[in-house]
């Protein structure tokens, strides 16, 4: 069977073996968990790595606050941007603020 170069590379990368050092107490827990779940240590480690990478990706996503505008002519009469404490107290009036 003759493989194209990209197919050969893909096959090699999908089954790459590596060695990692795991502390004995942690390895013991992983072995026990694998036995309880009737699975392999490899499956447990792969799942943990995928979860860690997904969590990291969620942290990287930038928060985007939608802009909401309202019709009107600015602040109510009697209010000033210079006196933010009054604006804040009116905004939270009746809401425990």
N, C-alpha and C. Protein backbone atom coordinates (compact mmCIF):
# COMPACT_ATOMS: atom_id res chain seq x y z
N UNK A 1 0.85 -1.17 0.00
CA UNK A 1 0.00 0.00 0.00
C UNK A 1 0.90 1.24 0.00
N UNK A 2 0.58 2.17 -0.87
CA UNK A 2 1.37 3.40 -0.96
C UNK A 2 0.57 4.56 -0.36
N UNK A 3 1.18 5.28 0.56
CA UNK A 3 0.51 6.40 1.21
C UNK A 3 1.07 7.72 0.69
N UNK A 4 0.20 8.68 0.57
CA UNK A 4 0.65 10.03 0.26
C UNK A 4 1.38 10.57 1.48
N UNK A 5 2.24 11.56 1.29
CA UNK A 5 3.04 12.10 2.39
C UNK A 5 2.16 12.65 3.51
N UNK A 6 1.07 13.35 3.17
CA UNK A 6 0.22 13.93 4.21
C UNK A 6 -0.51 12.85 4.99
N UNK A 7 -0.85 11.74 4.34
CA UNK A 7 -1.52 10.64 5.04
C UNK A 7 -0.54 9.98 6.01
N UNK A 8 0.68 9.80 5.57
CA UNK A 8 1.70 9.17 6.40
C UNK A 8 1.96 10.02 7.64
N UNK A 9 2.10 11.32 7.43
CA UNK A 9 2.35 12.24 8.54
C UNK A 9 1.18 12.23 9.51
N UNK A 10 -0.02 12.23 9.00
CA UNK A 10 -1.22 12.22 9.83
C UNK A 10 -1.28 10.97 10.69
N UNK A 11 -0.93 9.85 10.11
CA UNK A 11 -0.94 8.59 10.86
C UNK A 11 0.10 8.63 11.97
N UNK A 12 1.28 9.14 11.67
CA UNK A 12 2.33 9.22 12.69
C UNK A 12 1.94 10.14 13.83
N UNK A 13 1.38 11.29 13.51
CA UNK A 13 1.05 12.26 14.55
C UNK A 13 -0.12 11.82 15.41
N UNK A 14 -1.03 11.05 14.85
CA UNK A 14 -2.20 10.67 15.63
C UNK A 14 -1.90 9.60 16.66
N UNK A 15 -0.78 8.91 16.53
CA UNK A 15 -0.44 7.84 17.47
C UNK A 15 0.93 8.06 18.11
N UNK A 16 1.28 9.30 18.33
CA UNK A 16 2.59 9.60 18.89
C UNK A 16 2.65 9.14 20.35
N UNK A 17 3.74 8.51 20.69
CA UNK A 17 3.93 8.07 22.07
C UNK A 17 4.87 9.03 22.76
N UNK A 18 4.62 9.22 24.04
CA UNK A 18 5.48 10.09 24.83
C UNK A 18 5.57 9.54 26.24
N UNK A 19 6.54 10.01 26.97
CA UNK A 19 6.73 9.58 28.35
C UNK A 19 6.54 10.78 29.25
N UNK A 20 5.75 10.60 30.30
CA UNK A 20 5.58 11.66 31.28
C UNK A 20 5.84 11.11 32.67
N UNK A 21 6.37 11.95 33.53
CA UNK A 21 6.59 11.56 34.92
C UNK A 21 5.36 11.97 35.72
N UNK A 22 4.79 11.01 36.42
CA UNK A 22 3.62 11.26 37.26
C UNK A 22 3.97 10.83 38.68
N UNK A 23 3.67 11.68 39.63
CA UNK A 23 3.94 11.36 41.03
C UNK A 23 3.22 10.07 41.40
N UNK A 24 3.90 9.23 42.18
CA UNK A 24 3.34 7.92 42.56
C UNK A 24 1.94 7.99 43.16
N UNK A 25 1.68 8.90 44.12
CA UNK A 25 0.33 8.94 44.68
C UNK A 25 -0.74 9.25 43.63
N UNK A 26 -0.41 10.15 42.70
CA UNK A 26 -1.35 10.49 41.64
C UNK A 26 -1.55 9.32 40.69
N UNK A 27 -0.47 8.66 40.33
CA UNK A 27 -0.55 7.50 39.44
C UNK A 27 -1.39 6.39 40.08
N UNK A 28 -1.23 6.22 41.38
CA UNK A 28 -2.02 5.21 42.09
C UNK A 28 -3.51 5.54 42.00
N UNK A 29 -3.86 6.83 42.15
CA UNK A 29 -5.26 7.24 42.04
C UNK A 29 -5.79 7.02 40.63
N UNK A 30 -4.95 7.33 39.64
CA UNK A 30 -5.37 7.16 38.24
C UNK A 30 -5.58 5.69 37.92
N UNK A 31 -4.69 4.84 38.39
CA UNK A 31 -4.85 3.39 38.18
C UNK A 31 -6.15 2.90 38.79
N UNK A 32 -6.42 3.35 40.01
CA UNK A 32 -7.65 2.93 40.70
C UNK A 32 -8.88 3.42 39.94
N UNK A 33 -8.85 4.68 39.49
CA UNK A 33 -9.98 5.23 38.73
C UNK A 33 -10.18 4.47 37.42
N UNK A 34 -9.09 4.16 36.74
CA UNK A 34 -9.18 3.41 35.48
C UNK A 34 -9.79 2.04 35.72
N UNK A 35 -9.40 1.39 36.81
CA UNK A 35 -9.96 0.07 37.13
C UNK A 35 -11.45 0.17 37.45
N UNK A 36 -11.83 1.20 38.22
CA UNK A 36 -13.24 1.38 38.57
C UNK A 36 -14.10 1.63 37.34
N UNK A 37 -13.55 2.37 36.38
CA UNK A 37 -14.30 2.73 35.17
C UNK A 37 -14.11 1.72 34.04
N UNK A 38 -13.31 0.69 34.32
CA UNK A 38 -13.02 -0.32 33.30
C UNK A 38 -12.47 0.33 32.02
N UNK A 39 -11.48 1.19 32.21
CA UNK A 39 -10.87 1.88 31.09
C UNK A 39 -9.35 1.87 31.29
N UNK A 40 -8.65 2.60 30.46
CA UNK A 40 -7.18 2.62 30.54
C UNK A 40 -6.69 3.91 31.17
N UNK A 41 -5.45 3.85 31.65
CA UNK A 41 -4.81 5.06 32.17
C UNK A 41 -4.71 6.09 31.04
N UNK A 42 -4.40 5.61 29.86
CA UNK A 42 -4.30 6.51 28.70
C UNK A 42 -5.60 7.28 28.49
N UNK A 43 -6.74 6.60 28.58
CA UNK A 43 -8.03 7.26 28.38
C UNK A 43 -8.28 8.31 29.46
N UNK A 44 -7.92 7.99 30.69
CA UNK A 44 -8.09 8.94 31.80
C UNK A 44 -7.22 10.18 31.57
N UNK A 45 -5.96 9.97 31.20
CA UNK A 45 -5.04 11.08 30.97
C UNK A 45 -5.50 11.93 29.79
N UNK A 46 -5.92 11.29 28.69
CA UNK A 46 -6.39 12.04 27.52
C UNK A 46 -7.60 12.89 27.86
N UNK A 47 -8.54 12.33 28.62
CA UNK A 47 -9.73 13.08 29.01
C UNK A 47 -9.35 14.27 29.88
N UNK A 48 -8.45 14.05 30.83
CA UNK A 48 -8.00 15.14 31.70
C UNK A 48 -7.31 16.24 30.91
N UNK A 49 -6.48 15.87 29.94
CA UNK A 49 -5.80 16.86 29.11
C UNK A 49 -6.78 17.64 28.25
N UNK A 50 -7.75 16.94 27.66
CA UNK A 50 -8.76 17.63 26.86
C UNK A 50 -9.56 18.62 27.71
N UNK A 51 -9.94 18.19 28.91
CA UNK A 51 -10.69 19.07 29.82
C UNK A 51 -9.87 20.30 30.20
N UNK A 52 -8.58 20.10 30.49
CA UNK A 52 -7.72 21.22 30.86
C UNK A 52 -7.55 22.20 29.71
N UNK A 53 -7.39 21.68 28.49
CA UNK A 53 -7.24 22.55 27.32
C UNK A 53 -8.53 23.30 27.02
N UNK A 54 -9.66 22.63 27.17
CA UNK A 54 -10.96 23.29 26.94
C UNK A 54 -11.18 24.40 27.96
N UNK A 55 -10.82 24.14 29.20
CA UNK A 55 -10.96 25.15 30.26
C UNK A 55 -10.08 26.36 29.95
N UNK A 56 -8.87 26.11 29.50
CA UNK A 56 -7.96 27.20 29.14
C UNK A 56 -8.53 28.01 27.98
N UNK A 57 -9.12 27.34 27.01
CA UNK A 57 -9.70 28.03 25.85
C UNK A 57 -10.86 28.91 26.28
N UNK A 58 -11.68 28.42 27.21
CA UNK A 58 -12.80 29.24 27.70
C UNK A 58 -12.28 30.50 28.38
N UNK A 59 -11.17 30.39 29.09
CA UNK A 59 -10.58 31.56 29.75
C UNK A 59 -10.07 32.57 28.74
N UNK A 60 -9.58 32.09 27.63
CA UNK A 60 -9.00 32.97 26.61
C UNK A 60 -10.05 33.77 25.85
N UNK A 61 -11.25 33.23 25.76
CA UNK A 61 -12.27 33.93 25.00
C UNK A 61 -12.52 35.30 25.61
N UNK A 62 -12.50 36.27 24.77
CA UNK A 62 -12.64 37.64 25.24
C UNK A 62 -14.10 37.93 25.54
N UNK A 63 -14.33 38.56 26.68
CA UNK A 63 -15.68 38.96 27.05
C UNK A 63 -16.09 40.14 26.19
N UNK A 64 -17.30 40.08 25.67
CA UNK A 64 -17.80 41.15 24.84
C UNK A 64 -19.11 41.65 25.43
N UNK A 65 -19.13 42.89 25.83
CA UNK A 65 -20.33 43.50 26.38
C UNK A 65 -21.09 44.15 25.25
N UNK A 66 -22.33 43.74 25.06
CA UNK A 66 -23.15 44.34 24.02
C UNK A 66 -23.45 45.79 24.36
N UNK A 67 -23.44 46.63 23.36
CA UNK A 67 -23.76 48.03 23.55
C UNK A 67 -25.26 48.22 23.44
N UNK A 68 -25.81 48.88 24.42
CA UNK A 68 -27.24 49.18 24.41
C UNK A 68 -27.42 50.69 24.54
N UNK A 69 -28.16 51.25 23.64
CA UNK A 69 -28.42 52.69 23.69
C UNK A 69 -29.90 52.93 23.88
N UNK A 70 -30.20 54.07 24.41
CA UNK A 70 -31.59 54.43 24.69
C UNK A 70 -31.86 55.80 24.10
N UNK A 71 -33.09 55.99 23.68
CA UNK A 71 -33.49 57.30 23.17
C UNK A 71 -33.61 58.27 24.34
N UNK A 72 -33.35 59.50 24.09
CA UNK A 72 -33.49 60.50 25.14
C UNK A 72 -32.47 61.60 24.95
N UNK A 73 -32.43 62.47 25.92
CA UNK A 73 -31.54 63.63 25.85
C UNK A 73 -30.53 63.63 26.99
N UNK A 74 -29.98 62.49 27.31
CA UNK A 74 -28.96 62.42 28.35
C UNK A 74 -29.56 62.21 29.72
N UNK A 75 -28.91 62.79 30.74
CA UNK A 75 -29.35 62.61 32.12
C UNK A 75 -30.65 63.35 32.39
N UNK A 76 -31.35 62.86 33.41
CA UNK A 76 -32.58 63.54 33.84
C UNK A 76 -32.23 64.93 34.34
N UNK A 77 -33.23 65.79 34.31
CA UNK A 77 -33.04 67.15 34.81
C UNK A 77 -32.61 67.10 36.27
N UNK A 78 -31.67 67.92 36.64
CA UNK A 78 -31.20 67.98 38.01
C UNK A 78 -30.01 67.09 38.29
N UNK A 79 -29.63 66.23 37.36
CA UNK A 79 -28.47 65.35 37.55
C UNK A 79 -27.27 65.90 36.78
N UNK A 80 -26.08 65.55 37.26
CA UNK A 80 -24.86 65.99 36.61
C UNK A 80 -23.86 64.83 36.60
N UNK A 81 -23.11 64.70 35.52
CA UNK A 81 -22.08 63.67 35.45
C UNK A 81 -20.98 63.93 36.48
N UNK A 82 -20.90 65.15 36.95
CA UNK A 82 -19.88 65.51 37.94
C UNK A 82 -20.21 64.98 39.33
N UNK A 83 -21.47 64.65 39.58
CA UNK A 83 -21.88 64.15 40.89
C UNK A 83 -22.36 62.70 40.74
N UNK A 84 -21.41 61.81 40.56
CA UNK A 84 -21.72 60.42 40.28
C UNK A 84 -22.43 59.72 41.43
N UNK A 85 -22.20 60.16 42.66
CA UNK A 85 -22.84 59.51 43.81
C UNK A 85 -24.36 59.66 43.73
N UNK A 86 -24.86 60.79 43.24
CA UNK A 86 -26.31 60.98 43.09
C UNK A 86 -26.84 60.08 41.98
N UNK A 87 -26.14 60.02 40.86
CA UNK A 87 -26.55 59.16 39.74
C UNK A 87 -26.61 57.70 40.20
N UNK A 88 -25.57 57.26 40.91
CA UNK A 88 -25.51 55.88 41.40
C UNK A 88 -26.63 55.59 42.39
N UNK A 89 -26.88 56.49 43.32
CA UNK A 89 -27.94 56.24 44.31
C UNK A 89 -29.31 56.17 43.65
N UNK A 90 -29.54 56.97 42.61
CA UNK A 90 -30.82 56.89 41.89
C UNK A 90 -30.93 55.59 41.09
N UNK A 91 -29.82 55.16 40.52
CA UNK A 91 -29.83 53.93 39.72
C UNK A 91 -30.14 52.72 40.58
N UNK A 92 -29.65 52.71 41.82
CA UNK A 92 -29.85 51.56 42.70
C UNK A 92 -30.98 51.78 43.72
N UNK A 93 -31.72 52.84 43.59
CA UNK A 93 -32.81 53.14 44.52
C UNK A 93 -33.83 51.99 44.52
N UNK A 94 -34.12 51.51 45.71
CA UNK A 94 -35.08 50.41 45.84
C UNK A 94 -34.49 49.04 45.57
N UNK A 95 -33.19 48.95 45.36
CA UNK A 95 -32.53 47.67 45.06
C UNK A 95 -31.47 47.33 46.10
N UNK A 96 -31.59 47.91 47.26
CA UNK A 96 -30.64 47.61 48.33
C UNK A 96 -29.33 48.36 48.22
N UNK A 97 -29.22 49.34 47.31
CA UNK A 97 -27.96 50.03 47.13
C UNK A 97 -28.00 51.36 47.75
